[in-house]
Amino acid sequence: MKQDVFLSKEEFDKRECLLKCRRERLIKVREQSKKMAATVLEKVKKEAEKQYQDTENRILSEIRDYYSKELASIRQHYDKCISEINQQHYMKEIGVNVH
């Protein structure tokens, strides 16, 4: 620095100290920014994972509900068919012509 040539030793040392403090402060601010960015990124990842899990659980629940309803419908149809078969066997036993 050309101006440094005209500074006294004390002024030069003071200026160097100020510059050093500024550099150190910039380094600290950069480190803090990196830490904050990492924290935010981690929170975003956790929230994304939570939302993924919630969506997965909701979909699995919907699938279970669907298959439960389907199974109940099939079971009801099966029971109806068995009942009709039993009724026809009974009618045949007592001698009533079904058809």
PDB file of N, CA and C in Angstrom:
ATOM      1  N   MET A   1       0.837  -1.180   0.000  1.00  0.00           N
ATOM      2  CA  MET A   1       0.000   0.000   0.000  1.00  0.00           C
ATOM      3  C   MET A   1       0.876   1.236   0.000  1.00  0.00           C
ATOM      4  N   LYS A   2       0.605   2.119  -0.901  1.00  0.00           N
ATOM      5  CA  LYS A   2       1.443   3.310  -1.016  1.00  0.00           C
ATOM      6  C   LYS A   2       1.256   4.230   0.168  1.00  0.00           C
ATOM      7  N   GLN A   3       0.061   4.283   0.694  1.00  0.00           N
ATOM      8  CA  GLN A   3      -0.180   5.180   1.824  1.00  0.00           C
ATOM      9  C   GLN A   3       0.544   4.703   3.078  1.00  0.00           C
ATOM     10  N   ASP A   4       0.795   3.414   3.181  1.00  0.00           N
ATOM     11  CA  ASP A   4       1.454   2.871   4.358  1.00  0.00           C
ATOM     12  C   ASP A   4       2.869   3.427   4.532  1.00  0.00           C
ATOM     13  N   VAL A   5       3.498   3.843   3.483  1.00  0.00           N
ATOM     14  CA  VAL A   5       4.849   4.380   3.543  1.00  0.00           C
ATOM     15  C   VAL A   5       4.863   5.656   4.383  1.00  0.00           C
ATOM     16  N   PHE A   6       3.806   6.410   4.359  1.00  0.00           N
ATOM     17  CA  PHE A   6       3.765   7.688   5.065  1.00  0.00           C
ATOM     18  C   PHE A   6       3.181   7.577   6.474  1.00  0.00           C
ATOM     19  N   LEU A   7       2.819   6.386   6.884  1.00  0.00           N
ATOM     20  CA  LEU A   7       2.251   6.200   8.218  1.00  0.00           C
ATOM     21  C   LEU A   7       3.358   5.954   9.226  1.00  0.00           C
ATOM     22  N   SER A   8       3.085   6.410  10.445  1.00  0.00           N
ATOM     23  CA  SER A   8       4.048   6.124  11.511  1.00  0.00           C
ATOM     24  C   SER A   8       3.914   4.648  11.879  1.00  0.00           C
ATOM     25  N   LYS A   9       4.853   4.155  12.624  1.00  0.00           N
ATOM     26  CA  LYS A   9       4.859   2.761  13.047  1.00  0.00           C
ATOM     27  C   LYS A   9       3.577   2.435  13.821  1.00  0.00           C
ATOM     28  N   GLU A  10       3.172   3.313  14.717  1.00  0.00           N
ATOM     29  CA  GLU A  10       1.965   3.104  15.526  1.00  0.00           C
ATOM     30  C   GLU A  10       0.710   3.082  14.653  1.00  0.00           C
ATOM     31  N   GLU A  11       0.643   4.036  13.721  1.00  0.00           N
ATOM     32  CA  GLU A  11      -0.511   4.088  12.828  1.00  0.00           C
ATOM     33  C   GLU A  11      -0.571   2.847  11.929  1.00  0.00           C
ATOM     34  N   PHE A  12       0.625   2.451  11.460  1.00  0.00           N
ATOM     35  CA  PHE A  12       0.706   1.265  10.623  1.00  0.00           C
ATOM     36  C   PHE A  12       0.251   0.020  11.396  1.00  0.00           C
ATOM     37  N   ASP A  13       0.746  -0.136  12.620  1.00  0.00           N
ATOM     38  CA  ASP A  13       0.363  -1.278  13.456  1.00  0.00           C
ATOM     39  C   ASP A  13      -1.135  -1.258  13.755  1.00  0.00           C
ATOM     40  N   LYS A  14      -1.654  -0.075  14.023  1.00  0.00           N
ATOM     41  CA  LYS A  14      -3.082   0.052  14.312  1.00  0.00           C
ATOM     42  C   LYS A  14      -3.912  -0.352  13.098  1.00  0.00           C
ATOM     43  N   ARG A  15      -3.468   0.109  11.948  1.00  0.00           N
ATOM     44  CA  ARG A  15      -4.186  -0.224  10.720  1.00  0.00           C
ATOM     45  C   ARG A  15      -4.118  -1.726  10.428  1.00  0.00           C
ATOM     46  N   GLU A  16      -2.959  -2.307  10.609  1.00  0.00           N
ATOM     47  CA  GLU A  16      -2.799  -3.749  10.407  1.00  0.00           C
ATOM     48  C   GLU A  16      -3.679  -4.534  11.380  1.00  0.00           C
ATOM     49  N   CYS A  17      -3.757  -4.067  12.595  1.00  0.00           N
ATOM     50  CA  CYS A  17      -4.606  -4.722  13.599  1.00  0.00           C
ATOM     51  C   CYS A  17      -6.079  -4.650  13.182  1.00  0.00           C
ATOM     52  N   LEU A  18      -6.500  -3.481  12.696  1.00  0.00           N
ATOM     53  CA  LEU A  18      -7.874  -3.331  12.228  1.00  0.00           C
ATOM     54  C   LEU A  18      -8.165  -4.253  11.046  1.00  0.00           C
ATOM     55  N   LEU A  19      -7.230  -4.311  10.110  1.00  0.00           N
ATOM     56  CA  LEU A  19      -7.410  -5.192   8.954  1.00  0.00           C
ATOM     57  C   LEU A  19      -7.472  -6.667   9.375  1.00  0.00           C
ATOM     58  N   LYS A  20      -6.616  -7.019  10.322  1.00  0.00           N
ATOM     59  CA  LYS A  20      -6.604  -8.382  10.825  1.00  0.00           C
ATOM     60  C   LYS A  20      -7.940  -8.709  11.508  1.00  0.00           C
ATOM     61  N   CYS A  21      -8.437  -7.760  12.300  1.00  0.00           N
ATOM     62  CA  CYS A  21      -9.722  -7.956  12.972  1.00  0.00           C
ATOM     63  C   CYS A  21     -10.857  -8.091  11.964  1.00  0.00           C
ATOM     64  N   ARG A  22     -10.804  -7.294  10.906  1.00  0.00           N
ATOM     65  CA  ARG A  22     -11.832  -7.389   9.862  1.00  0.00           C
ATOM     66  C   ARG A  22     -11.801  -8.751   9.186  1.00  0.00           C
ATOM     67  N   ARG A  23     -10.591  -9.214   8.856  1.00  0.00           N
ATOM     68  CA  ARG A  23     -10.455 -10.528   8.227  1.00  0.00           C
ATOM     69  C   ARG A  23     -10.981 -11.621   9.145  1.00  0.00           C
ATOM     70  N   GLU A  24     -10.623 -11.545  10.424  1.00  0.00           N
ATOM     71  CA  GLU A  24     -11.083 -12.547  11.380  1.00  0.00           C
ATOM     72  C   GLU A  24     -12.613 -12.512  11.502  1.00  0.00           C
ATOM     73  N   ARG A  25     -13.156 -11.306  11.529  1.00  0.00           N
ATOM     74  CA  ARG A  25     -14.617 -11.164  11.624  1.00  0.00           C
ATOM     75  C   ARG A  25     -15.294 -11.742  10.382  1.00  0.00           C
ATOM     76  N   LEU A  26     -14.711 -11.464   9.194  1.00  0.00           N
ATOM     77  CA  LEU A  26     -15.259 -12.030   7.957  1.00  0.00           C
ATOM     78  C   LEU A  26     -15.222 -13.558   7.982  1.00  0.00           C
ATOM     79  N   ILE A  27     -14.135 -14.113   8.481  1.00  0.00           N
ATOM     80  CA  ILE A  27     -14.026 -15.569   8.576  1.00  0.00           C
ATOM     81  C   ILE A  27     -15.083 -16.109   9.524  1.00  0.00           C
ATOM     82  N   LYS A  28     -15.276 -15.453  10.661  1.00  0.00           N
ATOM     83  CA  LYS A  28     -16.293 -15.888  11.624  1.00  0.00           C
ATOM     84  C   LYS A  28     -17.698 -15.809  11.018  1.00  0.00           C
ATOM     85  N   VAL A  29     -17.962 -14.712  10.319  1.00  0.00           N
ATOM     86  CA  VAL A  29     -19.277 -14.545   9.698  1.00  0.00           C
ATOM     87  C   VAL A  29     -19.507 -15.626   8.641  1.00  0.00           C
ATOM     88  N   ARG A  30     -18.482 -15.935   7.865  1.00  0.00           N
ATOM     89  CA  ARG A  30     -18.606 -16.994   6.850  1.00  0.00           C
ATOM     90  C   ARG A  30     -18.884 -18.344   7.509  1.00  0.00           C
ATOM     91  N   GLU A  31     -18.161 -18.628   8.591  1.00  0.00           N
ATOM     92  CA  GLU A  31     -18.367 -19.882   9.307  1.00  0.00           C
ATOM     93  C   GLU A  31     -19.782 -19.946   9.890  1.00  0.00           C
ATOM     94  N   GLN A  32     -20.238 -18.843  10.449  1.00  0.00           N
ATOM     95  CA  GLN A  32     -21.597 -18.802  10.991  1.00  0.00           C
ATOM     96  C   GLN A  32     -22.624 -19.016   9.879  1.00  0.00           C
ATOM     97  N   SER A  33     -22.373 -18.398   8.734  1.00  0.00           N
ATOM     98  CA  SER A  33     -23.286 -18.563   7.601  1.00  0.00           C
ATOM     99  C   SER A  33     -23.331 -20.018   7.144  1.00  0.00           C
ATOM    100  N   LYS A  34     -22.170 -20.661   7.102  1.00  0.00           N
ATOM    101  CA  LYS A  34     -22.120 -22.067   6.708  1.00  0.00           C
ATOM    102  C   LYS A  34     -22.879 -22.935   7.705  1.00  0.00           C
ATOM    103  N   LYS A  35     -22.688 -22.649   9.002  1.00  0.00           N
ATOM    104  CA  LYS A  35     -23.386 -23.418  10.033  1.00  0.00           C
ATOM    105  C   LYS A  35     -24.895 -23.209   9.936  1.00  0.00           C
ATOM    106  N   MET A  36     -25.308 -21.973   9.721  1.00  0.00           N
ATOM    107  CA  MET A  36     -26.738 -21.683   9.599  1.00  0.00           C
ATOM    108  C   MET A  36     -27.311 -22.373   8.365  1.00  0.00           C
ATOM    109  N   ALA A  37     -26.584 -22.329   7.271  1.00  0.00           N
ATOM    110  CA  ALA A  37     -27.050 -22.979   6.041  1.00  0.00           C
ATOM    111  C   ALA A  37     -27.160 -24.488   6.254  1.00  0.00           C
ATOM    112  N   ALA A  38     -26.188 -25.071   6.942  1.00  0.00           N
ATOM    113  CA  ALA A  38     -26.229 -26.509   7.217  1.00  0.00           C
ATOM    114  C   ALA A  38     -27.420 -26.846   8.112  1.00  0.00           C
ATOM    115  N   THR A  39     -27.689 -25.992   9.098  1.00  0.00           N
ATOM    116  CA  THR A  39     -28.827 -26.211   9.994  1.00  0.00           C
ATOM    117  C   THR A  39     -30.142 -26.138   9.220  1.00  0.00           C
ATOM    118  N   VAL A  40     -30.280 -25.133   8.389  1.00  0.00           N
ATOM    119  CA  VAL A  40     -31.500 -24.987   7.587  1.00  0.00           C
ATOM    120  C   VAL A  40     -31.653 -26.175   6.644  1.00  0.00           C
ATOM    121  N   LEU A  41     -30.571 -26.580   6.008  1.00  0.00           N
ATOM    122  CA  LEU A  41     -30.610 -27.717   5.093  1.00  0.00           C
ATOM    123  C   LEU A  41     -31.031 -28.985   5.836  1.00  0.00           C
ATOM    124  N   GLU A  42     -30.501 -29.186   7.028  1.00  0.00           N
ATOM    125  CA  GLU A  42     -30.867 -30.359   7.832  1.00  0.00           C
ATOM    126  C   GLU A  42     -32.350 -30.328   8.197  1.00  0.00           C
ATOM    127  N   LYS A  43     -32.846 -29.146   8.576  1.00  0.00           N
ATOM    128  CA  LYS A  43     -34.272 -29.022   8.907  1.00  0.00           C
ATOM    129  C   LYS A  43     -35.139 -29.314   7.685  1.00  0.00           C
ATOM    130  N   VAL A  44     -34.711 -28.825   6.535  1.00  0.00           N
ATOM    131  CA  VAL A  44     -35.469 -29.070   5.297  1.00  0.00           C
ATOM    132  C   VAL A  44     -35.486 -30.561   4.979  1.00  0.00           C
ATOM    133  N   LYS A  45     -34.343 -31.218   5.137  1.00  0.00           N
ATOM    134  CA  LYS A  45     -34.282 -32.659   4.882  1.00  0.00           C
ATOM    135  C   LYS A  45     -35.193 -33.417   5.837  1.00  0.00           C
ATOM    136  N   LYS A  46     -35.177 -33.045   7.119  1.00  0.00           N
ATOM    137  CA  LYS A  46     -36.034 -33.712   8.100  1.00  0.00           C
ATOM    138  C   LYS A  46     -37.506 -33.494   7.772  1.00  0.00           C
ATOM    139  N   GLU A  47     -37.866 -32.281   7.390  1.00  0.00           N
ATOM    140  CA  GLU A  47     -39.266 -31.990   7.047  1.00  0.00           C
ATOM    141  C   GLU A  47     -39.684 -32.762   5.796  1.00  0.00           C
ATOM    142  N   ALA A  48     -38.799 -32.831   4.807  1.00  0.00           N
ATOM    143  CA  ALA A  48     -39.108 -33.586   3.591  1.00  0.00           C
ATOM    144  C   ALA A  48     -39.305 -35.062   3.925  1.00  0.00           C
ATOM    145  N   GLU A  49     -38.449 -35.603   4.792  1.00  0.00           N
ATOM    146  CA  GLU A  49     -38.578 -37.007   5.189  1.00  0.00           C
ATOM    147  C   GLU A  49     -39.881 -37.220   5.957  1.00  0.00           C
ATOM    148  N   LYS A  50     -40.232 -36.279   6.818  1.00  0.00           N
ATOM    149  CA  LYS A  50     -41.475 -36.378   7.591  1.00  0.00           C
ATOM    150  C   LYS A  50     -42.681 -36.362   6.642  1.00  0.00           C
ATOM    151  N   GLN A  51     -42.669 -35.461   5.694  1.00  0.00           N
ATOM    152  CA  GLN A  51     -43.772 -35.387   4.733  1.00  0.00           C
ATOM    153  C   GLN A  51     -43.849 -36.655   3.891  1.00  0.00           C
ATOM    154  N   TYR A  52     -42.693 -37.197   3.518  1.00  0.00           N
ATOM    155  CA  TYR A  52     -42.665 -38.445   2.759  1.00  0.00           C
ATOM    156  C   TYR A  52     -43.283 -39.565   3.578  1.00  0.00           C
ATOM    157  N   GLN A  53     -42.888 -39.665   4.851  1.00  0.00           N
ATOM    158  CA  GLN A  53     -43.434 -40.699   5.731  1.00  0.00           C
ATOM    159  C   GLN A  53     -44.938 -40.528   5.912  1.00  0.00           C
ATOM    160  N   ASP A  54     -45.379 -39.282   6.106  1.00  0.00           N
ATOM    161  CA  ASP A  54     -46.813 -39.017   6.255  1.00  0.00           C
ATOM    162  C   ASP A  54     -47.585 -39.447   5.010  1.00  0.00           C
ATOM    163  N   THR A  55     -47.047 -39.113   3.852  1.00  0.00           N
ATOM    164  CA  THR A  55     -47.689 -39.482   2.593  1.00  0.00           C
ATOM    165  C   THR A  55     -47.716 -40.998   2.434  1.00  0.00           C
ATOM    166  N   GLU A  56     -46.604 -41.635   2.745  1.00  0.00           N
ATOM    167  CA  GLU A  56     -46.534 -43.092   2.641  1.00  0.00           C
ATOM    168  C   GLU A  56     -47.551 -43.746   3.584  1.00  0.00           C
ATOM    169  N   ASN A  57     -47.624 -43.260   4.819  1.00  0.00           N
ATOM    170  CA  ASN A  57     -48.577 -43.819   5.783  1.00  0.00           C
ATOM    171  C   ASN A  57     -50.022 -43.613   5.336  1.00  0.00           C
ATOM    172  N   ARG A  58     -50.307 -42.434   4.787  1.00  0.00           N
ATOM    173  CA  ARG A  58     -51.660 -42.140   4.306  1.00  0.00           C
ATOM    174  C   ARG A  58     -52.039 -43.072   3.160  1.00  0.00           C
ATOM    175  N   ILE A  59     -51.118 -43.250   2.226  1.00  0.00           N
ATOM    176  CA  ILE A  59     -51.391 -44.115   1.078  1.00  0.00           C
ATOM    177  C   ILE A  59     -51.579 -45.566   1.534  1.00  0.00           C
ATOM    178  N   LEU A  60     -50.723 -46.027   2.441  1.00  0.00           N
ATOM    179  CA  LEU A  60     -50.871 -47.392   2.943  1.00  0.00           C
ATOM    180  C   LEU A  60     -52.205 -47.573   3.657  1.00  0.00           C
ATOM    181  N   SER A  61     -52.600 -46.559   4.392  1.00  0.00           N
ATOM    182  CA  SER A  61     -53.892 -46.615   5.084  1.00  0.00           C
ATOM    183  C   SER A  61     -55.039 -46.685   4.081  1.00  0.00           C
ATOM    184  N   GLU A  62     -54.963 -45.888   3.025  1.00  0.00           N
ATOM    185  CA  GLU A  62     -55.995 -45.910   1.986  1.00  0.00           C
ATOM    186  C   GLU A  62     -56.047 -47.274   1.296  1.00  0.00           C
ATOM    187  N   ILE A  63     -54.886 -47.848   1.050  1.00  0.00           N
ATOM    188  CA  ILE A  63     -54.835 -49.169   0.409  1.00  0.00           C
ATOM    189  C   ILE A  63     -55.456 -50.219   1.333  1.00  0.00           C
ATOM    190  N   ARG A  64     -55.096 -50.176   2.623  1.00  0.00           N
ATOM    191  CA  ARG A  64     -55.673 -51.124   3.576  1.00  0.00           C
ATOM    192  C   ARG A  64     -57.189 -50.981   3.638  1.00  0.00           C
ATOM    193  N   ASP A  65     -57.664 -49.738   3.683  1.00  0.00           N
ATOM    194  CA  ASP A  65     -59.113 -49.506   3.715  1.00  0.00           C
ATOM    195  C   ASP A  65     -59.784 -50.064   2.456  1.00  0.00           C
ATOM    196  N   TYR A  66     -59.189 -49.816   1.310  1.00  0.00           N
ATOM    197  CA  TYR A  66     -59.750 -50.300   0.046  1.00  0.00           C
ATOM    198  C   TYR A  66     -59.852 -51.825   0.052  1.00  0.00           C
ATOM    199  N   TYR A  67     -58.751 -52.484   0.425  1.00  0.00           N
ATOM    200  CA  TYR A  67     -58.770 -53.945   0.422  1.00  0.00           C
ATOM    201  C   TYR A  67     -59.678 -54.512   1.509  1.00  0.00           C
ATOM    202  N   SER A  68     -59.811 -53.826   2.612  1.00  0.00           N
ATOM    203  CA  SER A  68     -60.754 -54.272   3.652  1.00  0.00           C
ATOM    204  C   SER A  68     -62.183 -54.232   3.126  1.00  0.00           C
ATOM    205  N   LYS A  69     -62.516 -53.146   2.427  1.00  0.00           N
ATOM    206  CA  LYS A  69     -63.857 -53.031   1.844  1.00  0.00           C
ATOM    207  C   LYS A  69     -64.072 -54.098   0.771  1.00  0.00           C
ATOM    208  N   GLU A  70     -63.070 -54.305  -0.065  1.00  0.00           N
ATOM    209  CA  GLU A  70     -63.173 -55.324  -1.108  1.00  0.00           C
ATOM    210  C   GLU A  70     -63.341 -56.704  -0.488  1.00  0.00           C
ATOM    211  N   LEU A  71     -62.549 -56.985   0.532  1.00  0.00           N
ATOM    212  CA  LEU A  71     -62.643 -58.282   1.195  1.00  0.00           C
ATOM    213  C   LEU A  71     -64.009 -58.468   1.855  1.00  0.00           C
ATOM    214  N   ALA A  72     -64.524 -57.419   2.475  1.00  0.00           N
ATOM    215  CA  ALA A  72     -65.853 -57.502   3.091  1.00  0.00           C
ATOM    216  C   ALA A  72     -66.920 -57.764   2.031  1.00  0.00           C
ATOM    217  N   SER A  73     -66.799 -57.119   0.878  1.00  0.00           N
ATOM    218  CA  SER A  73     -67.755 -57.322  -0.206  1.00  0.00           C
ATOM    219  C   SER A  73     -67.690 -58.758  -0.721  1.00  0.00           C
ATOM    220  N   ILE A  74     -66.486 -59.262  -0.909  1.00  0.00           N
ATOM    221  CA  ILE A  74     -66.317 -60.639  -1.379  1.00  0.00           C
ATOM    222  C   ILE A  74     -66.852 -61.618  -0.334  1.00  0.00           C
ATOM    223  N   ARG A  75     -66.566 -61.333   0.920  1.00  0.00           N
ATOM    224  CA  ARG A  75     -67.051 -62.201   2.003  1.00  0.00           C
ATOM    225  C   ARG A  75     -68.588 -62.220   2.039  1.00  0.00           C
ATOM    226  N   GLN A  76     -69.188 -61.057   1.869  1.00  0.00           N
ATOM    227  CA  GLN A  76     -70.651 -60.955   1.856  1.00  0.00           C
ATOM    228  C   GLN A  76     -71.229 -61.760   0.689  1.00  0.00           C
ATOM    229  N   HIS A  77     -70.620 -61.624  -0.497  1.00  0.00           N
ATOM    230  CA  HIS A  77     -71.067 -62.369  -1.668  1.00  0.00           C
ATOM    231  C   HIS A  77     -70.916 -63.879  -1.430  1.00  0.00           C
ATOM    232  N   TYR A  78     -69.790 -64.268  -0.847  1.00  0.00           N
ATOM    233  CA  TYR A  78     -69.542 -65.680  -0.530  1.00  0.00           C
ATOM    234  C   TYR A  78     -70.605 -66.214   0.437  1.00  0.00           C
ATOM    235  N   ASP A  79     -70.857 -65.450   1.494  1.00  0.00           N
ATOM    236  CA  ASP A  79     -71.870 -65.876   2.466  1.00  0.00           C
ATOM    237  C   ASP A  79     -73.244 -66.016   1.817  1.00  0.00           C
ATOM    238  N   LYS A  80     -73.584 -65.106   0.923  1.00  0.00           N
ATOM    239  CA  LYS A  80     -74.870 -65.166   0.216  1.00  0.00           C
ATOM    240  C   LYS A  80     -74.948 -66.427  -0.643  1.00  0.00           C
ATOM    241  N   CYS A  81     -73.865 -66.711  -1.348  1.00  0.00           N
ATOM    242  CA  CYS A  81     -73.838 -67.905  -2.201  1.00  0.00           C
ATOM    243  C   CYS A  81     -73.954 -69.181  -1.362  1.00  0.00           C
ATOM    244  N   ILE A  82     -73.249 -69.251  -0.273  1.00  0.00           N
ATOM    245  CA  ILE A  82     -73.320 -70.420   0.610  1.00  0.00           C
ATOM    246  C   ILE A  82     -74.730 -70.564   1.173  1.00  0.00           C
ATOM    247  N   SER A  83     -75.321 -69.451   1.538  1.00  0.00           N
ATOM    248  CA  SER A  83     -76.693 -69.477   2.061  1.00  0.00           C
ATOM    249  C   SER A  83     -77.658 -70.015   1.015  1.00  0.00           C
ATOM    250  N   GLU A  84     -77.511 -69.570  -0.226  1.00  0.00           N
ATOM    251  CA  GLU A  84     -78.381 -70.044  -1.307  1.00  0.00           C
ATOM    252  C   GLU A  84     -78.174 -71.532  -1.549  1.00  0.00           C
ATOM    253  N   ILE A  85     -76.938 -71.975  -1.517  1.00  0.00           N
ATOM    254  CA  ILE A  85     -76.651 -73.402  -1.707  1.00  0.00           C
ATOM    255  C   ILE A  85     -77.281 -74.210  -0.579  1.00  0.00           C
ATOM    256  N   ASN A  86     -77.121 -73.759   0.637  1.00  0.00           N
ATOM    257  CA  ASN A  86     -77.709 -74.457   1.782  1.00  0.00           C
ATOM    258  C   ASN A  86     -79.236 -74.506   1.676  1.00  0.00           C
ATOM    259  N   GLN A  87     -79.806 -73.384   1.229  1.00  0.00           N
ATOM    260  CA  GLN A  87     -81.258 -73.336   1.084  1.00  0.00           C
ATOM    261  C   GLN A  87     -81.723 -74.339   0.015  1.00  0.00           C
ATOM    262  N   GLN A  88     -80.984 -74.432  -1.081  1.00  0.00           N
ATOM    263  CA  GLN A  88     -81.340 -75.376  -2.136  1.00  0.00           C
ATOM    264  C   GLN A  88     -81.197 -76.821  -1.652  1.00  0.00           C
ATOM    265  N   HIS A  89     -80.151 -77.105  -0.883  1.00  0.00           N
ATOM    266  CA  HIS A  89     -79.990 -78.451  -0.326  1.00  0.00           C
ATOM    267  C   HIS A  89     -81.152 -78.790   0.622  1.00  0.00           C
ATOM    268  N   TYR A  90     -81.512 -77.814   1.401  1.00  0.00           N
ATOM    269  CA  TYR A  90     -82.623 -78.026   2.334  1.00  0.00           C
ATOM    270  C   TYR A  90     -83.926 -78.297   1.569  1.00  0.00           C
ATOM    271  N   MET A  91     -84.187 -77.493   0.562  1.00  0.00           N
ATOM    272  CA  MET A  91     -85.407 -77.658  -0.244  1.00  0.00           C
ATOM    273  C   MET A  91     -85.409 -79.042  -0.913  1.00  0.00           C
ATOM    274  N   LYS A  92     -84.222 -79.484  -1.365  1.00  0.00           N
ATOM    275  CA  LYS A  92     -84.129 -80.792  -2.018  1.00  0.00           C
ATOM    276  C   LYS A  92     -84.425 -81.892  -1.010  1.00  0.00           C
ATOM    277  N   GLU A  93     -83.935 -81.714   0.205  1.00  0.00           N
ATOM    278  CA  GLU A  93     -84.154 -82.724   1.249  1.00  0.00           C
ATOM    279  C   GLU A  93     -85.630 -82.849   1.608  1.00  0.00           C
ATOM    280  N   ILE A  94     -86.315 -81.735   1.641  1.00  0.00           N
ATOM    281  CA  ILE A  94     -87.731 -81.808   2.020  1.00  0.00           C
ATOM    282  C   ILE A  94     -88.622 -82.117   0.809  1.00  0.00           C
ATOM    283  N   GLY A  95     -88.019 -82.213  -0.359  1.00  0.00           N
ATOM    284  CA  GLY A  95     -88.759 -82.650  -1.521  1.00  0.00           C
ATOM    285  C   GLY A  95     -89.387 -81.543  -2.324  1.00  0.00           C
ATOM    286  N   VAL A  96     -88.968 -80.335  -2.156  1.00  0.00           N
ATOM    287  CA  VAL A  96     -89.525 -79.235  -2.933  1.00  0.00           C
ATOM    288  C   VAL A  96     -88.677 -79.070  -4.184  1.00  0.00           C
ATOM    289  N   ASN A  97     -89.329 -78.953  -5.344  1.00  0.00           N
ATOM    290  CA  ASN A  97     -88.623 -78.767  -6.604  1.00  0.00           C
ATOM    291  C   ASN A  97     -88.218 -77.299  -6.711  1.00  0.00           C
ATOM    292  N   VAL A  98     -86.930 -77.047  -6.772  1.00  0.00           N
ATOM    293  CA  VAL A  98     -86.394 -75.680  -6.783  1.00  0.00           C
ATOM    294  C   VAL A  98     -86.585 -75.030  -8.129  1.00  0.00           C
ATOM    295  N   HIS A  99     -86.439 -75.775  -9.200  1.00  0.00           N
ATOM    296  CA  HIS A  99     -86.521 -75.172 -10.534  1.00  0.00           C
ATOM    297  C   HIS A  99     -87.780 -75.507 -11.174  1.00  0.00           C
TER     298      HIS A  99
END
